[in-house]
N, C-alpha and C. Protein backbone atom coordinates (compact mmCIF):
# COMPACT_ATOMS: atom_id res chain seq x y z
N UNK A 1 5.65 -8.76 -2.66
CA UNK A 1 4.73 -8.53 -1.59
C UNK A 1 3.44 -8.20 -2.29
N UNK A 2 2.50 -8.63 -1.27
CA UNK A 2 0.94 -8.27 -1.57
C UNK A 2 0.73 -6.86 -1.14
N UNK A 3 -0.75 -6.74 -1.16
CA UNK A 3 -0.90 -5.30 -0.36
C UNK A 3 -0.70 -5.58 0.78
N UNK A 4 -0.91 -3.94 0.89
CA UNK A 4 -0.77 -3.52 2.66
C UNK A 4 -1.75 -3.83 3.38
N UNK A 5 -1.65 -4.16 4.42
CA UNK A 5 -2.69 -4.99 5.36
C UNK A 5 -2.87 -4.15 6.80
N UNK A 6 -3.98 -3.80 7.26
CA UNK A 6 -4.12 -3.24 8.33
C UNK A 6 -3.63 -4.60 9.46
N UNK A 7 -2.96 -4.01 10.40
CA UNK A 7 -2.10 -5.17 11.23
C UNK A 7 -3.48 -5.56 12.51
N UNK A 8 -3.67 -6.45 12.80
CA UNK A 8 -4.65 -6.46 14.00
C UNK A 8 -3.86 -6.26 15.61
N UNK A 9 -4.79 -5.60 16.37
CA UNK A 9 -4.11 -5.11 17.59
C UNK A 9 -3.66 -6.15 18.39
N UNK A 10 -2.89 -6.06 19.13
CA UNK A 10 -2.40 -7.07 20.18
C UNK A 10 -3.06 -6.88 21.62
N UNK A 11 -4.25 -6.43 21.62
CA UNK A 11 -5.04 -6.59 22.80
C UNK A 11 -6.39 -6.11 22.32
N UNK A 12 -7.35 -6.50 23.13
CA UNK A 12 -8.91 -5.83 22.68
C UNK A 12 -8.87 -4.04 22.56
N UNK A 13 -10.05 -3.69 22.27
CA UNK A 13 -10.18 -2.08 22.10
C UNK A 13 -10.37 -1.54 23.43
N UNK A 14 -10.81 -2.23 24.30
CA UNK A 14 -11.03 -1.77 25.81
C UNK A 14 -9.70 -2.02 26.70
N UNK A 15 -8.82 -2.63 26.18
CA UNK A 15 -7.85 -3.06 27.14
C UNK A 15 -6.85 -2.08 27.67
N UNK A 16 -6.97 -0.79 27.14
CA UNK A 16 -5.82 0.46 27.43
C UNK A 16 -7.01 1.53 28.44
N UNK A 17 -8.25 0.86 28.67
CA UNK A 17 -8.83 1.93 29.67
C UNK A 17 -8.31 1.53 30.86
N UNK A 18 -8.45 2.81 31.76
CA UNK A 18 -9.21 4.01 31.51
C UNK A 18 -8.29 5.12 30.77
N UNK A 19 -7.28 5.10 30.47
CA UNK A 19 -6.28 5.59 29.83
C UNK A 19 -6.77 6.27 28.46
N UNK A 20 -6.91 5.01 27.73
CA UNK A 20 -7.57 5.37 26.22
C UNK A 20 -9.07 4.77 26.13
N UNK A 21 -9.64 5.55 25.94
CA UNK A 21 -11.06 4.66 25.67
C UNK A 21 -11.40 3.78 24.52
N UNK A 22 -12.23 2.58 24.66
CA UNK A 22 -12.65 1.85 23.68
C UNK A 22 -13.10 2.30 22.23
N UNK A 23 -14.06 3.25 22.33
CA UNK A 23 -14.43 3.79 21.29
C UNK A 23 -13.39 4.64 20.35
N UNK A 24 -12.88 5.33 20.99
CA UNK A 24 -11.55 5.83 20.41
C UNK A 24 -10.31 5.06 19.60
N UNK A 25 -10.34 3.93 20.70
CA UNK A 25 -9.40 2.74 19.86
C UNK A 25 -10.24 2.42 18.49
N UNK A 26 -11.26 2.03 18.59
CA UNK A 26 -11.86 1.01 17.64
C UNK A 26 -11.66 2.28 16.80
N UNK A 27 -12.71 3.41 16.51
CA UNK A 27 -12.55 4.07 15.44
C UNK A 27 -10.86 4.66 14.73
N UNK A 28 -10.28 4.80 15.85
CA UNK A 28 -8.87 5.10 15.42
C UNK A 28 -8.10 4.06 14.48
N UNK A 29 -8.39 2.79 14.76
CA UNK A 29 -7.68 1.82 14.61
C UNK A 29 -8.60 1.37 12.77
N UNK A 30 -9.87 1.34 12.91
CA UNK A 30 -10.67 0.48 11.83
C UNK A 30 -10.58 1.77 10.91
N UNK A 31 -11.14 2.85 11.40
CA UNK A 31 -11.70 4.03 10.52
C UNK A 31 -9.90 4.84 9.94
N UNK A 32 -9.24 5.00 10.88
CA UNK A 32 -7.98 6.03 10.47
C UNK A 32 -7.02 5.43 9.89
N UNK A 33 -6.80 4.37 10.59
CA UNK A 33 -5.88 3.35 10.30
C UNK A 33 -6.04 2.81 8.72
N UNK A 34 -7.25 2.14 9.06
CA UNK A 34 -7.80 1.22 8.26
C UNK A 34 -7.91 2.26 6.62
N UNK A 35 -8.13 3.50 6.99
CA UNK A 35 -8.45 4.39 5.41
C UNK A 35 -7.02 4.69 5.23
N UNK A 36 -5.82 4.59 5.99
CA UNK A 36 -4.50 4.80 5.25
C UNK A 36 -4.19 4.02 4.60
N UNK A 37 -4.29 2.52 4.88
CA UNK A 37 -4.30 1.55 4.48
C UNK A 37 -4.75 1.28 2.71
N UNK A 38 -5.68 1.16 3.00
CA UNK A 38 -6.76 1.53 1.95
C UNK A 38 -6.15 2.35 0.62
N UNK A 39 -6.01 3.77 1.08
CA UNK A 39 -5.40 4.81 -0.12
C UNK A 39 -4.13 4.36 -0.33
N UNK A 40 -3.30 3.81 0.82
CA UNK A 40 -2.11 3.64 -0.03
C UNK A 40 -2.14 2.41 -0.83
N UNK A 41 -2.89 1.48 -0.64
CA UNK A 41 -3.00 0.32 -1.82
C UNK A 41 -3.46 0.81 -3.08
N UNK A 42 -4.33 1.90 -2.89
CA UNK A 42 -4.93 2.52 -4.25
C UNK A 42 -4.17 3.58 -5.00
N UNK A 43 -2.93 4.16 -3.82
CA UNK A 43 -2.16 4.61 -4.86
C UNK A 43 -0.65 4.30 -5.41
N UNK A 44 -0.57 3.15 -4.88
CA UNK A 44 0.58 2.31 -5.24
C UNK A 44 0.25 1.15 -6.55
N UNK A 45 -1.10 0.89 -6.48
CA UNK A 45 -1.52 -0.12 -7.35
C UNK A 45 -1.53 0.38 -9.05
N UNK A 46 -0.89 -0.57 -9.61
CA UNK A 46 -0.46 -0.78 -11.05
C UNK A 46 0.67 0.27 -11.38
N UNK A 47 1.65 0.43 -10.33
CA UNK A 47 2.46 1.68 -10.69
C UNK A 47 4.05 0.57 -10.30
N UNK A 48 5.15 1.49 -10.35
CA UNK A 48 6.31 0.62 -10.11
C UNK A 48 6.51 0.72 -8.80
N UNK A 49 5.43 1.40 -8.06
CA UNK A 49 5.79 1.37 -6.07
C UNK A 49 5.05 -0.12 -5.92
N UNK A 50 4.55 -0.60 -6.87
CA UNK A 50 3.95 -2.07 -6.41
C UNK A 50 4.48 -2.81 -5.97
N UNK A 51 4.70 -3.62 -4.65
CA UNK A 51 5.47 -4.43 -4.80
C UNK A 51 6.71 -4.37 -3.63
N UNK A 52 6.86 -2.88 -3.33
CA UNK A 52 8.10 -2.11 -2.84
C UNK A 52 7.62 -2.51 -1.39
N UNK A 53 8.40 -2.49 -0.11
CA UNK A 53 8.01 -2.59 1.22
C UNK A 53 7.73 -1.17 1.61
N UNK A 54 6.97 -0.82 2.59
CA UNK A 54 6.84 0.60 3.23
C UNK A 54 8.01 0.96 3.42
N UNK A 55 8.91 0.69 3.94
CA UNK A 55 10.22 1.39 4.54
C UNK A 55 10.92 1.82 3.05
N UNK A 56 10.87 1.05 1.97
CA UNK A 56 11.55 1.45 0.64
C UNK A 56 10.71 2.63 0.03
N UNK A 57 9.46 2.69 0.31
CA UNK A 57 8.45 3.71 -0.13
C UNK A 57 8.96 4.94 0.75
N UNK A 58 8.96 4.74 1.94
CA UNK A 58 9.09 6.27 2.58
C UNK A 58 10.32 6.66 2.73
N UNK A 59 11.69 5.83 2.66
CA UNK A 59 13.08 6.28 2.77
C UNK A 59 13.26 7.07 1.47
N UNK A 60 12.63 6.87 0.44
CA UNK A 60 12.93 7.65 -0.58
C UNK A 60 11.18 8.55 -1.26
N UNK A 61 10.66 8.64 -0.44
CA UNK A 61 9.34 9.17 -0.42
C UNK A 61 9.14 10.61 -1.27
N UNK A 62 10.34 11.48 -1.04
CA UNK A 62 10.24 12.54 -2.18
C UNK A 62 10.04 12.25 -3.78
N UNK A 63 10.64 10.94 -4.15
CA UNK A 63 10.26 10.42 -5.39
C UNK A 63 8.53 10.31 -5.63
N UNK A 64 8.08 9.83 -4.90
CA UNK A 64 6.27 9.29 -4.67
C UNK A 64 5.49 10.70 -4.53
N UNK A 65 4.09 10.28 -5.08
CA UNK A 65 3.26 11.14 -5.07
C UNK A 65 2.99 11.45 -3.71
N UNK A 66 2.38 12.46 -3.22
CA UNK A 66 2.00 13.00 -1.78
C UNK A 66 1.02 11.97 -1.12
N UNK A 67 0.39 11.58 -1.95
CA UNK A 67 -0.83 10.05 -1.24
C UNK A 67 0.10 9.17 -0.92
N UNK A 68 1.43 8.83 -1.10
CA UNK A 68 2.35 7.69 -0.49
C UNK A 68 2.55 8.33 0.97
N UNK A 69 3.13 9.53 0.43
CA UNK A 69 3.68 10.23 2.30
C UNK A 69 2.89 10.15 2.90
N UNK A 70 1.71 10.70 2.89
CA UNK A 70 0.54 10.77 3.64
C UNK A 70 0.02 9.87 4.35
N UNK A 71 -0.40 9.02 3.34
CA UNK A 71 -0.87 7.31 3.35
C UNK A 71 0.00 6.41 4.22
N UNK A 72 1.36 6.27 3.36
CA UNK A 72 2.12 5.46 3.83
C UNK A 72 2.67 5.88 5.61
N UNK A 73 2.64 7.08 5.50
CA UNK A 73 3.50 7.60 6.72
C UNK A 73 1.98 7.15 7.68
N UNK A 74 1.13 7.16 7.54
CA UNK A 74 -0.17 6.76 8.50
C UNK A 74 -0.16 5.44 8.63
N UNK A 75 0.09 4.59 7.77
CA UNK A 75 0.18 2.94 8.04
C UNK A 75 1.55 2.82 8.61
N UNK A 76 3.00 3.23 8.55
CA UNK A 76 3.75 3.48 9.10
C UNK A 76 3.93 3.69 10.76
N UNK A 77 3.13 5.00 10.92
CA UNK A 77 2.98 5.57 12.40
C UNK A 77 2.36 4.73 13.17
N UNK A 78 1.02 4.32 12.48
CA UNK A 78 0.20 3.53 13.50
C UNK A 78 0.52 2.32 13.63
N UNK A 79 1.15 1.82 12.79
CA UNK A 79 1.61 0.15 13.26
C UNK A 79 2.48 0.32 14.00
N UNK A 80 3.68 1.16 14.15
CA UNK A 80 4.26 1.50 15.65
C UNK A 80 3.83 1.70 16.73
N UNK A 81 2.69 2.49 16.37
CA UNK A 81 2.10 3.43 17.64
C UNK A 81 1.28 1.90 18.64
N UNK A 82 0.27 0.76 17.88
CA UNK A 82 -0.11 -0.24 18.27
C UNK A 82 0.81 -0.94 19.06
N UNK A 83 1.68 -1.26 18.65
CA UNK A 83 2.98 -2.12 19.14
C UNK A 83 3.26 -1.55 20.56
N UNK A 84 3.48 -0.27 20.48
CA UNK A 84 4.60 0.09 21.87
C UNK A 84 3.32 0.43 23.00
N UNK A 85 2.58 -0.13 22.79
CA UNK A 85 1.24 0.13 23.89
C UNK A 85 0.71 -1.16 24.46
N UNK A 86 0.21 -1.20 25.94
CA UNK A 86 -0.16 -2.52 26.23
C UNK A 86 -0.74 -2.40 27.34
N UNK A 87 -1.52 -3.21 27.94
CA UNK A 87 -2.65 -2.95 29.00
C UNK A 87 -1.76 -3.06 30.27
N UNK A 88 -1.79 -2.47 31.64
CA UNK A 88 -0.94 -2.48 32.46
C UNK A 88 0.37 -2.25 32.18
N UNK A 89 0.69 -1.24 31.24
CA UNK A 89 1.74 -0.73 30.81
C UNK A 89 2.39 0.13 31.60
N UNK A 90 3.21 1.32 31.14
CA UNK A 90 3.91 2.74 31.89
C UNK A 90 4.77 2.11 32.84
N UNK A 91 4.91 2.95 33.63
CA UNK A 91 6.50 2.69 34.46
C UNK A 91 7.42 3.49 33.81
N UNK A 92 8.78 2.63 34.35
CA UNK A 92 9.68 3.04 33.58
C UNK A 92 10.66 2.06 32.85
N UNK A 93 11.60 2.32 31.61
CA UNK A 93 12.16 1.00 31.44
C UNK A 93 13.54 0.86 32.18
N UNK A 94 14.15 -0.45 31.85
CA UNK A 94 15.41 -0.65 32.43
C UNK A 94 15.98 -1.34 31.79
N UNK A 95 17.39 -1.82 32.38
CA UNK A 95 18.47 -2.27 31.56
C UNK A 95 19.17 -1.30 30.26
N UNK A 96 19.61 -1.67 29.43
CA UNK A 96 20.06 -0.64 28.21
C UNK A 96 19.55 0.47 28.10
N UNK A 97 18.10 0.03 27.75
CA UNK A 97 17.09 1.48 27.52
C UNK A 97 17.43 2.44 28.44
N UNK A 98 17.27 2.26 29.69
CA UNK A 98 17.28 3.00 30.79
C UNK A 98 18.49 3.42 31.01
N UNK A 99 19.65 2.89 30.58
CA UNK A 99 21.06 3.61 30.63
C UNK A 99 21.01 4.83 29.42
N UNK A 100 20.59 4.34 28.42
CA UNK A 100 20.78 5.19 27.44
C UNK A 100 20.04 6.43 27.49
N UNK A 101 18.82 6.40 28.21
CA UNK A 101 17.93 7.62 28.40
C UNK A 101 18.18 8.47 29.32
N UNK A 102 19.11 7.87 30.29
CA UNK A 102 19.70 8.62 31.55
C UNK A 102 21.05 9.02 30.70
N UNK A 103 21.67 8.54 29.88
CA UNK A 103 22.88 9.18 29.37
C UNK A 103 22.36 10.00 28.29
N UNK A 104 21.40 10.23 27.61
CA UNK A 104 21.08 10.98 26.63
C UNK A 104 20.35 12.19 27.22
N UNK A 105 19.52 12.21 28.39
CA UNK A 105 18.60 13.33 28.95
C UNK A 105 18.92 13.38 30.34
N UNK A 106 19.67 12.80 30.78
CA UNK A 106 20.45 13.14 32.33
C UNK A 106 19.27 12.06 33.59
N UNK A 107 18.13 11.74 33.36
CA UNK A 107 17.57 10.93 33.72
C UNK A 107 16.23 10.82 32.92
N UNK A 108 15.41 9.83 33.79
CA UNK A 108 14.01 9.47 33.08
C UNK A 108 13.14 10.38 33.02
N UNK A 109 12.69 11.04 34.12
CA UNK A 109 12.20 12.62 34.39
C UNK A 109 12.59 13.52 33.34
N UNK A 110 13.48 13.89 33.02
CA UNK A 110 14.25 14.84 32.08
C UNK A 110 13.50 14.43 30.87
N UNK A 111 13.79 13.22 30.53
CA UNK A 111 13.26 12.73 29.43
C UNK A 111 11.82 12.55 29.43
N UNK A 112 11.06 12.55 30.13
CA UNK A 112 9.59 12.61 30.14
C UNK A 112 9.07 13.94 29.93
N UNK A 113 9.64 14.75 30.70
CA UNK A 113 9.75 16.36 30.48
C UNK A 113 9.64 16.85 29.11
N UNK A 114 11.12 16.41 28.19
CA UNK A 114 11.22 16.60 26.89
C UNK A 114 10.19 16.28 25.85
N UNK A 115 10.01 14.85 26.11
CA UNK A 115 9.10 14.04 25.59
C UNK A 115 7.80 14.92 25.32
N UNK A 116 7.21 15.08 26.45
CA UNK A 116 5.93 15.62 26.82
C UNK A 116 5.64 17.02 26.01
N UNK A 117 6.88 17.79 26.10
CA UNK A 117 6.93 19.25 25.71
C UNK A 117 6.92 18.96 24.44
N UNK A 118 7.48 17.96 23.72
CA UNK A 118 7.53 18.14 21.91
C UNK A 118 6.00 17.28 21.28
N UNK A 119 5.44 16.89 22.49
CA UNK A 119 4.34 16.40 21.93
C UNK A 119 3.27 17.30 22.10
N UNK A 120 2.91 18.38 23.14
CA UNK A 120 2.45 19.54 23.29
C UNK A 120 2.83 20.39 22.71
N UNK A 121 3.69 20.78 22.42
CA UNK A 121 3.79 21.96 21.58
C UNK A 121 3.93 21.83 19.86
N UNK A 122 3.82 20.50 19.45
CA UNK A 122 3.32 20.24 17.89
C UNK A 122 2.13 21.34 17.45
N UNK A 123 2.30 22.18 16.55
CA UNK A 123 1.23 22.84 16.23
C UNK A 123 0.39 21.99 15.45
N UNK A 124 -0.67 21.73 15.46
CA UNK A 124 -1.80 21.20 14.48
C UNK A 124 -1.68 19.66 14.88
N UNK A 125 -1.65 18.90 13.80
CA UNK A 125 -1.72 17.53 13.79
C UNK A 125 0.25 17.01 13.70
N UNK A 126 0.06 15.85 14.06
CA UNK A 126 1.45 15.47 14.15
C UNK A 126 1.83 14.17 14.80
N UNK A 127 3.46 13.97 15.15
CA UNK A 127 3.60 12.91 16.16
C UNK A 127 4.94 13.42 17.05
N UNK A 128 5.27 12.98 18.05
CA UNK A 128 6.27 12.97 18.90
C UNK A 128 7.06 11.65 18.95
N UNK A 129 8.27 12.04 18.90
CA UNK A 129 8.91 10.86 19.04
C UNK A 129 10.02 10.77 19.51
N UNK A 130 10.42 9.22 20.06
CA UNK A 130 11.80 9.01 20.74
C UNK A 130 12.70 7.83 19.41
N UNK A 131 13.70 8.54 19.29
CA UNK A 131 14.39 7.91 18.28
C UNK A 131 16.00 7.96 18.34
N UNK A 132 16.47 6.65 17.51
CA UNK A 132 18.05 6.59 17.84
C UNK A 132 18.58 7.28 16.52
N UNK A 133 19.24 7.98 16.83
CA UNK A 133 19.93 9.00 15.83
C UNK A 133 21.57 9.32 15.76
N UNK A 134 22.25 8.62 15.02
CA UNK A 134 23.98 7.96 15.60
C UNK A 134 24.16 7.53 16.54
N UNK A 135 23.07 6.74 17.02
CA UNK A 135 23.92 5.62 18.11
C UNK A 135 22.73 6.52 19.52
N UNK A 136 22.69 7.52 19.49
CA UNK A 136 22.09 8.57 20.64
C UNK A 136 20.89 8.72 20.50
N UNK A 137 19.94 8.85 21.68
CA UNK A 137 18.65 8.82 21.80
C UNK A 137 18.29 10.73 21.87
N UNK A 138 17.36 10.57 20.65
CA UNK A 138 16.72 11.74 20.58
C UNK A 138 15.37 11.88 20.43
N UNK A 139 14.51 13.25 20.87
CA UNK A 139 13.39 13.45 21.17
C UNK A 139 13.21 14.53 20.07
N UNK A 140 11.76 14.29 19.25
CA UNK A 140 11.28 15.19 18.42
C UNK A 140 10.03 15.13 17.90
N UNK A 141 9.45 16.10 16.89
CA UNK A 141 8.32 15.56 16.44
C UNK A 141 8.46 16.22 15.13
N UNK A 142 7.29 15.64 14.27
CA UNK A 142 6.93 15.74 12.95
C UNK A 142 5.46 16.46 12.57
N UNK A 143 5.25 16.80 11.46
CA UNK A 143 4.10 17.30 11.12
C UNK A 143 3.09 16.20 10.54
N UNK A 144 1.96 16.01 10.68
CA UNK A 144 0.78 15.15 9.94
C UNK A 144 1.02 13.65 9.89
N UNK A 145 1.72 13.12 8.98
CA UNK A 145 1.82 11.47 9.07
C UNK A 145 2.86 11.53 8.71
N UNK A 146 4.18 12.92 8.77
CA UNK A 146 5.60 12.47 8.45
C UNK A 146 6.41 11.58 9.33
N UNK A 147 7.56 11.02 9.48
CA UNK A 147 8.03 10.28 10.12
C UNK A 147 9.27 10.48 9.80
N UNK A 148 10.47 10.18 11.19
CA UNK A 148 11.58 10.31 11.04
C UNK A 148 12.84 9.49 9.70
N UNK A 149 11.84 8.29 9.57
CA UNK A 149 12.72 7.68 8.24
C UNK A 149 12.40 8.16 6.87
N UNK A 150 11.65 9.21 6.57
CA UNK A 150 11.41 9.68 5.31
C UNK A 150 12.27 10.86 5.10
N UNK A 151 12.67 10.72 3.91
CA UNK A 151 13.92 11.43 3.44
C UNK A 151 13.84 12.83 3.28
N UNK A 152 12.46 13.56 3.46
CA UNK A 152 11.97 14.86 3.32
C UNK A 152 11.70 15.29 4.74
N UNK A 153 12.27 14.31 5.68
CA UNK A 153 12.19 14.75 7.51
C UNK A 153 13.11 15.76 7.61
N UNK A 154 13.02 16.51 8.12
CA UNK A 154 14.03 17.35 9.19
C UNK A 154 14.52 16.44 10.39
N UNK A 155 14.04 15.46 10.98
CA UNK A 155 14.02 15.09 12.00
C UNK A 155 14.26 13.83 11.53
N UNK A 156 15.51 13.09 11.41
CA UNK A 156 16.02 12.11 10.96
C UNK A 156 16.46 10.97 11.93
N UNK A 157 16.54 9.47 11.94
CA UNK A 157 16.84 8.30 12.75
C UNK A 157 15.52 7.66 12.21
N UNK A 158 15.69 6.38 13.68
CA UNK A 158 15.18 5.35 13.66
C UNK A 158 14.17 5.34 14.76
N UNK A 159 13.03 5.65 14.68
CA UNK A 159 12.03 5.75 15.83
C UNK A 159 12.16 4.43 16.56
N UNK A 160 12.23 4.87 17.64
CA UNK A 160 11.12 3.40 18.69
C UNK A 160 10.21 3.90 19.55
N UNK A 161 9.59 5.01 19.64
CA UNK A 161 8.77 5.43 20.29
C UNK A 161 7.89 6.52 20.00
N UNK A 162 6.70 6.32 19.36
CA UNK A 162 5.87 7.24 19.08
C UNK A 162 4.68 7.58 19.54
N UNK A 163 4.11 8.82 19.39
CA UNK A 163 2.69 9.45 20.24
C UNK A 163 1.96 10.02 19.02
N UNK A 164 0.77 9.55 18.83
CA UNK A 164 0.06 10.31 17.77
C UNK A 164 -0.61 11.51 18.65
N UNK A 165 -0.60 12.71 18.34
CA UNK A 165 -0.85 13.88 18.57
C UNK A 165 -2.05 14.38 17.76
N UNK A 166 -2.53 14.06 16.75
CA UNK A 166 -3.57 14.36 15.83
C UNK A 166 -5.19 14.08 16.74
N UNK A 167 -5.78 15.22 16.93
CA UNK A 167 -7.04 15.26 17.68
C UNK A 167 -7.94 13.90 17.55
N UNK A 168 -8.01 12.98 16.50
CA UNK A 168 -8.38 11.90 16.41
C UNK A 168 -7.75 11.10 17.55
N UNK A 169 -6.79 10.93 17.92
CA UNK A 169 -6.44 10.25 18.98
C UNK A 169 -6.80 10.23 20.30
N UNK A 170 -7.58 11.39 20.73
CA UNK A 170 -7.74 11.83 22.09
C UNK A 170 -8.99 12.65 22.18
N UNK A 171 -9.69 13.02 21.16
CA UNK A 171 -10.67 14.21 21.26
C UNK A 171 -11.99 13.47 22.02
N UNK A 172 -12.69 12.23 21.82
CA UNK A 172 -13.69 11.86 22.28
C UNK A 172 -13.46 11.79 23.63
N UNK A 173 -12.40 11.54 24.32
CA UNK A 173 -12.24 11.61 25.98
C UNK A 173 -11.84 12.81 26.68
N UNK A 174 -10.38 13.24 25.93
CA UNK A 174 -9.96 14.18 26.51
C UNK A 174 -10.25 15.99 25.87
N UNK A 175 -10.90 15.75 24.82
CA UNK A 175 -11.42 16.98 23.91
C UNK A 175 -10.14 17.97 23.68
N UNK A 176 -10.12 19.26 24.16
CA UNK A 176 -8.53 20.08 23.53
C UNK A 176 -7.72 19.59 24.79
N UNK A 177 -7.76 18.89 25.48
CA UNK A 177 -6.62 18.60 27.03
C UNK A 177 -5.36 17.68 26.44
N UNK A 178 -4.61 18.21 25.04
CA UNK A 178 -3.71 17.18 24.88
C UNK A 178 -2.75 17.00 25.92
N UNK A 179 -2.52 17.97 26.95
CA UNK A 179 -1.49 17.39 27.94
C UNK A 179 -2.08 16.36 28.58
N UNK A 180 -3.01 16.40 28.80
CA UNK A 180 -3.91 15.42 29.85
C UNK A 180 -3.93 13.79 28.88
N UNK A 181 -4.05 13.99 27.86
CA UNK A 181 -3.78 12.69 27.09
C UNK A 181 -2.40 12.32 26.87
N UNK A 182 -1.40 13.18 26.94
CA UNK A 182 -0.27 12.56 26.65
C UNK A 182 0.13 12.06 28.38
N UNK A 183 -0.09 12.52 29.46
CA UNK A 183 0.04 12.35 30.35
C UNK A 183 -0.46 10.80 30.84
N UNK A 184 -1.95 10.50 30.38
CA UNK A 184 -2.48 9.18 30.29
C UNK A 184 -1.77 8.36 29.41
N UNK A 185 -1.06 8.47 28.55
CA UNK A 185 -0.74 7.78 27.71
C UNK A 185 0.46 7.10 28.12
N UNK A 186 1.16 7.72 28.91
CA UNK A 186 2.31 7.30 29.23
C UNK A 186 1.96 5.69 30.46
N UNK A 187 0.63 5.79 30.91
CA UNK A 187 0.45 4.70 31.64
C UNK A 187 0.35 3.31 30.89
N UNK A 188 0.58 3.40 29.50
CA UNK A 188 0.06 2.18 28.57
C UNK A 188 1.31 1.95 27.70
N UNK A 189 2.56 2.72 27.93
CA UNK A 189 3.69 2.36 27.08
C UNK A 189 4.37 0.72 27.25
N UNK A 190 4.59 0.24 26.53
CA UNK A 190 4.94 -0.96 26.65
C UNK A 190 6.90 -0.63 26.36
N UNK A 191 7.19 -0.61 27.78
CA UNK A 191 8.61 -0.23 27.66
C UNK A 191 9.75 -1.55 27.06
N UNK A 192 9.10 -2.90 27.30
CA UNK A 192 9.64 -4.29 26.77
C UNK A 192 9.73 -4.08 25.47
N UNK A 193 8.82 -3.56 24.47
CA UNK A 193 8.99 -3.40 22.80
C UNK A 193 9.81 -2.25 22.81
N UNK A 194 9.71 -1.13 23.43
CA UNK A 194 10.66 -0.30 23.01
C UNK A 194 11.88 -0.75 23.17
N UNK A 195 12.05 -1.17 24.23
CA UNK A 195 13.50 -1.69 24.45
C UNK A 195 13.82 -2.63 23.15
N UNK A 196 13.45 -3.56 22.98
CA UNK A 196 13.89 -4.34 21.87
C UNK A 196 13.84 -3.49 20.38
N UNK A 197 12.90 -2.85 20.15
CA UNK A 197 13.33 -1.87 19.36
C UNK A 197 14.52 -1.09 19.08
N UNK A 198 14.90 -0.79 20.70
CA UNK A 198 16.08 0.02 20.67
C UNK A 198 17.06 -0.58 20.30
N UNK A 199 17.21 -2.01 20.69
CA UNK A 199 18.22 -3.01 20.39
C UNK A 199 18.29 -3.27 19.24
N UNK A 200 17.68 -3.38 18.63
CA UNK A 200 17.65 -3.51 16.97
C UNK A 200 18.41 -2.46 16.24
N UNK A 201 17.41 -1.16 16.53
CA UNK A 201 17.86 0.18 15.99
C UNK A 201 19.58 0.26 16.04
N UNK A 202 20.04 -0.44 16.97
CA UNK A 202 21.72 -0.22 17.50
C UNK A 202 22.38 -0.55 16.76
């Protein structure tokens, strides 16, 4: 395996407007995610970690330096984040994913309430997740750039939906109004991709 690379976005920087603004998307992708990739490459270069996959590094992250935890997590989390958004997204999932959400939470509205609460109440910086845990869907959150595939995480499972609640994800447009950002973000969720990830995780 070569060096880790910043993935190209599957849409333009302005494609998620009015819900997420162009400048936030551009800075978030190039500067923040780009920075995580550069620092991750620097952390593994010339070590026995070089050549390992991102998943390999993160599932055993307790054995690696904190730079791998922070920047590897940042790379993994953001790569997932870009892929589960799309222009004209939102609405509700259907099929197996909808059934699993109803089975785990009672209804889509209850899921949304639970997820929004996890995102809104994550103190400081972090992520809210919908994940597959022992064949069941679970909502939770992690601090900083931690995620549920890390061996050090209290929340464990396979993430299929992740929301970045670091201030850099929303501050230019929404300032300190995180709940507003969370509501807006639900309008760009790519439920088809989340459903694909759900099928894979099962």
